[in-house]
Amino acid sequence: MLTPTKHTNIKYSVIYIAGKVLGFLKKETLIKYEDLKEMLVSEIGVNAKNNIDYSLTFLFSIGKIEYIKNIDAITLINDNNED
């Protein structure tokens, strides 16, 4: 579900999940992929599983996160232009 409709529950949207990911990564700068998925499912619900990968792809494409392949983890990229 990349495009929300009037029937969409906003908490399962890509943008909402991406915001949650950024919140988790601001507390812990490095999180293993499976741990991140579990954290999101426990906080948002099982229906969030469908959009977790889309959210991570979105964040990667705008330069907010980085995937570390050898340890299968996600890290936050520090951007000095943020408040």
N, C-alpha and C. Protein backbone atom coordinates (compact mmCIF):
# COMPACT_ATOMS: atom_id res chain seq x y z
N MET A 1 0.84 -1.17 0.00
CA MET A 1 0.00 0.00 0.00
C MET A 1 0.89 1.24 0.00
N LEU A 2 1.27 1.68 -1.14
CA LEU A 2 2.07 2.90 -1.23
C LEU A 2 1.19 4.14 -1.30
N THR A 3 0.02 4.01 -1.90
CA THR A 3 -0.89 5.14 -2.01
C THR A 3 -2.08 4.92 -1.09
N PRO A 4 -2.24 5.76 -0.08
CA PRO A 4 -3.37 5.58 0.83
C PRO A 4 -4.69 5.96 0.16
N THR A 5 -5.76 5.33 0.60
CA THR A 5 -7.11 5.65 0.15
C THR A 5 -7.91 6.08 1.36
N LYS A 6 -9.18 6.38 1.16
CA LYS A 6 -10.00 6.80 2.30
C LYS A 6 -10.27 5.65 3.26
N HIS A 7 -10.01 4.42 2.83
CA HIS A 7 -10.22 3.25 3.69
C HIS A 7 -8.94 2.79 4.37
N THR A 8 -7.84 3.48 4.13
CA THR A 8 -6.55 3.09 4.66
C THR A 8 -6.42 3.47 6.13
N ASN A 9 -5.96 2.52 6.92
CA ASN A 9 -5.61 2.84 8.30
C ASN A 9 -4.21 3.46 8.25
N ILE A 10 -4.10 4.70 8.63
CA ILE A 10 -2.87 5.47 8.46
C ILE A 10 -1.69 4.87 9.20
N LYS A 11 -1.94 4.14 10.28
CA LYS A 11 -0.81 3.59 11.04
C LYS A 11 -0.12 2.43 10.32
N TYR A 12 -0.69 1.96 9.22
CA TYR A 12 -0.03 0.94 8.42
C TYR A 12 0.58 1.51 7.15
N SER A 13 0.60 2.83 7.02
CA SER A 13 1.14 3.46 5.82
C SER A 13 2.67 3.47 5.86
N VAL A 14 3.26 3.61 4.68
CA VAL A 14 4.71 3.62 4.55
C VAL A 14 5.32 4.80 5.31
N ILE A 15 4.70 5.95 5.23
CA ILE A 15 5.24 7.14 5.89
C ILE A 15 5.19 7.00 7.41
N TYR A 16 4.10 6.47 7.94
CA TYR A 16 3.98 6.29 9.39
C TYR A 16 5.03 5.29 9.89
N ILE A 17 5.17 4.18 9.19
CA ILE A 17 6.14 3.16 9.59
C ILE A 17 7.56 3.72 9.47
N ALA A 18 7.82 4.49 8.43
CA ALA A 18 9.14 5.11 8.27
C ALA A 18 9.44 6.05 9.43
N GLY A 19 8.45 6.77 9.89
CA GLY A 19 8.63 7.64 11.05
C GLY A 19 8.96 6.85 12.31
N LYS A 20 8.28 5.73 12.48
CA LYS A 20 8.57 4.86 13.63
C LYS A 20 10.00 4.32 13.55
N VAL A 21 10.43 3.92 12.34
CA VAL A 21 11.79 3.42 12.15
C VAL A 21 12.79 4.49 12.55
N LEU A 22 12.58 5.72 12.09
CA LEU A 22 13.49 6.81 12.45
C LEU A 22 13.50 7.04 13.96
N GLY A 23 12.34 6.93 14.59
CA GLY A 23 12.28 7.08 16.05
C GLY A 23 13.09 6.02 16.77
N PHE A 24 12.96 4.77 16.32
CA PHE A 24 13.73 3.69 16.93
C PHE A 24 15.23 3.90 16.72
N LEU A 25 15.59 4.34 15.50
CA LEU A 25 17.01 4.51 15.19
C LEU A 25 17.62 5.72 15.88
N LYS A 26 16.82 6.68 16.28
CA LYS A 26 17.36 7.81 17.04
C LYS A 26 17.68 7.40 18.47
N LYS A 27 16.95 6.40 19.00
CA LYS A 27 17.25 5.88 20.34
C LYS A 27 18.44 4.94 20.30
N GLU A 28 18.43 4.02 19.33
CA GLU A 28 19.52 3.05 19.14
C GLU A 28 20.01 3.24 17.71
N THR A 29 21.24 3.64 17.53
CA THR A 29 21.70 3.98 16.19
C THR A 29 21.90 2.79 15.27
N LEU A 30 21.95 1.59 15.83
CA LEU A 30 22.14 0.39 15.03
C LEU A 30 21.18 -0.69 15.51
N ILE A 31 20.34 -1.19 14.60
CA ILE A 31 19.37 -2.22 14.96
C ILE A 31 19.40 -3.30 13.89
N LYS A 32 19.46 -4.55 14.34
CA LYS A 32 19.41 -5.67 13.40
C LYS A 32 18.04 -5.68 12.72
N TYR A 33 18.03 -6.11 11.47
CA TYR A 33 16.82 -6.09 10.65
C TYR A 33 15.67 -6.85 11.30
N GLU A 34 15.92 -8.06 11.76
CA GLU A 34 14.86 -8.87 12.37
C GLU A 34 14.36 -8.25 13.66
N ASP A 35 15.26 -7.66 14.45
CA ASP A 35 14.84 -6.98 15.68
C ASP A 35 13.97 -5.78 15.37
N LEU A 36 14.33 -5.04 14.32
CA LEU A 36 13.53 -3.89 13.92
C LEU A 36 12.13 -4.31 13.49
N LYS A 37 12.04 -5.39 12.73
CA LYS A 37 10.73 -5.90 12.31
C LYS A 37 9.89 -6.28 13.52
N GLU A 38 10.49 -6.97 14.48
CA GLU A 38 9.77 -7.36 15.69
C GLU A 38 9.31 -6.14 16.49
N MET A 39 10.15 -5.13 16.59
CA MET A 39 9.79 -3.91 17.31
C MET A 39 8.59 -3.23 16.65
N LEU A 40 8.60 -3.15 15.33
CA LEU A 40 7.51 -2.51 14.61
C LEU A 40 6.21 -3.30 14.73
N VAL A 41 6.29 -4.62 14.61
CA VAL A 41 5.09 -5.45 14.70
C VAL A 41 4.51 -5.38 16.11
N SER A 42 5.35 -5.36 17.12
CA SER A 42 4.83 -5.29 18.49
C SER A 42 4.20 -3.94 18.80
N GLU A 43 4.71 -2.87 18.19
CA GLU A 43 4.16 -1.55 18.47
C GLU A 43 2.96 -1.20 17.58
N ILE A 44 3.03 -1.55 16.30
CA ILE A 44 1.98 -1.15 15.36
C ILE A 44 0.95 -2.25 15.14
N GLY A 45 1.42 -3.48 14.99
CA GLY A 45 0.52 -4.60 14.73
C GLY A 45 1.04 -5.45 13.59
N VAL A 46 0.44 -6.62 13.44
CA VAL A 46 0.88 -7.59 12.44
C VAL A 46 0.71 -7.05 11.02
N ASN A 47 -0.30 -6.23 10.79
CA ASN A 47 -0.53 -5.69 9.45
C ASN A 47 0.59 -4.78 8.97
N ALA A 48 1.44 -4.35 9.87
CA ALA A 48 2.56 -3.50 9.48
C ALA A 48 3.62 -4.27 8.70
N LYS A 49 3.63 -5.60 8.82
CA LYS A 49 4.63 -6.42 8.13
C LYS A 49 4.63 -6.18 6.62
N ASN A 50 3.46 -5.89 6.07
CA ASN A 50 3.35 -5.72 4.62
C ASN A 50 4.13 -4.51 4.11
N ASN A 51 4.33 -3.51 4.93
CA ASN A 51 4.95 -2.26 4.46
C ASN A 51 6.30 -1.94 5.08
N ILE A 52 6.83 -2.83 5.89
CA ILE A 52 8.13 -2.55 6.53
C ILE A 52 9.23 -2.41 5.48
N ASP A 53 9.28 -3.34 4.55
CA ASP A 53 10.33 -3.27 3.53
C ASP A 53 10.17 -2.05 2.64
N TYR A 54 8.93 -1.67 2.31
CA TYR A 54 8.70 -0.45 1.53
C TYR A 54 9.18 0.78 2.30
N SER A 55 8.94 0.79 3.60
CA SER A 55 9.36 1.92 4.42
C SER A 55 10.88 2.03 4.48
N LEU A 56 11.54 0.89 4.62
CA LEU A 56 13.00 0.89 4.65
C LEU A 56 13.57 1.32 3.30
N THR A 57 12.94 0.88 2.21
CA THR A 57 13.37 1.30 0.88
C THR A 57 13.21 2.80 0.70
N PHE A 58 12.09 3.33 1.19
CA PHE A 58 11.85 4.77 1.12
C PHE A 58 12.92 5.54 1.89
N LEU A 59 13.21 5.11 3.11
CA LEU A 59 14.22 5.80 3.92
C LEU A 59 15.61 5.70 3.31
N PHE A 60 15.92 4.55 2.71
CA PHE A 60 17.21 4.37 2.06
C PHE A 60 17.32 5.29 0.84
N SER A 61 16.23 5.40 0.09
CA SER A 61 16.26 6.19 -1.14
C SER A 61 16.40 7.69 -0.86
N ILE A 62 15.94 8.15 0.29
CA ILE A 62 16.11 9.58 0.61
C ILE A 62 17.34 9.84 1.47
N GLY A 63 18.15 8.81 1.67
CA GLY A 63 19.43 8.98 2.36
C GLY A 63 19.37 9.08 3.87
N LYS A 64 18.37 8.48 4.49
CA LYS A 64 18.24 8.55 5.94
C LYS A 64 18.83 7.34 6.66
N ILE A 65 18.82 6.19 6.01
CA ILE A 65 19.35 4.98 6.64
C ILE A 65 20.36 4.30 5.72
N GLU A 66 21.11 3.40 6.33
CA GLU A 66 22.09 2.61 5.59
C GLU A 66 21.96 1.16 6.05
N TYR A 67 22.08 0.24 5.11
CA TYR A 67 22.02 -1.19 5.43
C TYR A 67 23.45 -1.71 5.50
N ILE A 68 23.76 -2.38 6.60
CA ILE A 68 25.09 -2.99 6.78
C ILE A 68 24.93 -4.48 6.54
N LYS A 69 25.39 -4.92 5.39
CA LYS A 69 25.13 -6.28 4.91
C LYS A 69 25.78 -7.35 5.79
N ASN A 70 27.01 -7.15 6.19
CA ASN A 70 27.72 -8.23 6.90
C ASN A 70 27.14 -8.54 8.28
N ILE A 71 26.42 -7.60 8.90
CA ILE A 71 25.79 -7.90 10.19
C ILE A 71 24.27 -7.83 10.11
N ASP A 72 23.73 -7.63 8.89
CA ASP A 72 22.28 -7.59 8.65
C ASP A 72 21.60 -6.59 9.58
N ALA A 73 22.06 -5.34 9.52
CA ALA A 73 21.55 -4.31 10.42
C ALA A 73 21.28 -3.01 9.66
N ILE A 74 20.46 -2.18 10.27
CA ILE A 74 20.11 -0.88 9.73
C ILE A 74 20.70 0.17 10.67
N THR A 75 21.27 1.22 10.09
CA THR A 75 21.82 2.31 10.89
C THR A 75 21.32 3.64 10.35
N LEU A 76 21.26 4.61 11.22
CA LEU A 76 20.82 5.95 10.87
C LEU A 76 22.01 6.74 10.34
N ILE A 77 21.82 7.42 9.23
CA ILE A 77 22.87 8.28 8.68
C ILE A 77 22.69 9.65 9.28
N ASN A 78 23.74 10.15 9.92
CA ASN A 78 23.67 11.48 10.53
C ASN A 78 23.80 12.54 9.46
N ASP A 79 22.82 13.42 9.42
CA ASP A 79 22.80 14.51 8.46
C ASP A 79 22.94 15.81 9.24
N ASN A 80 23.98 16.54 8.96
CA ASN A 80 24.25 17.77 9.73
C ASN A 80 23.28 18.89 9.42
N ASN A 81 22.43 18.75 8.42
CA ASN A 81 21.49 19.81 8.05
C ASN A 81 20.19 19.72 8.83
N GLU A 82 20.05 18.74 9.73
CA GLU A 82 18.82 18.58 10.49
C GLU A 82 18.83 19.45 11.73
N ASP A 83 17.66 19.71 12.27
CA ASP A 83 17.54 20.51 13.51
C ASP A 83 17.85 19.69 14.72
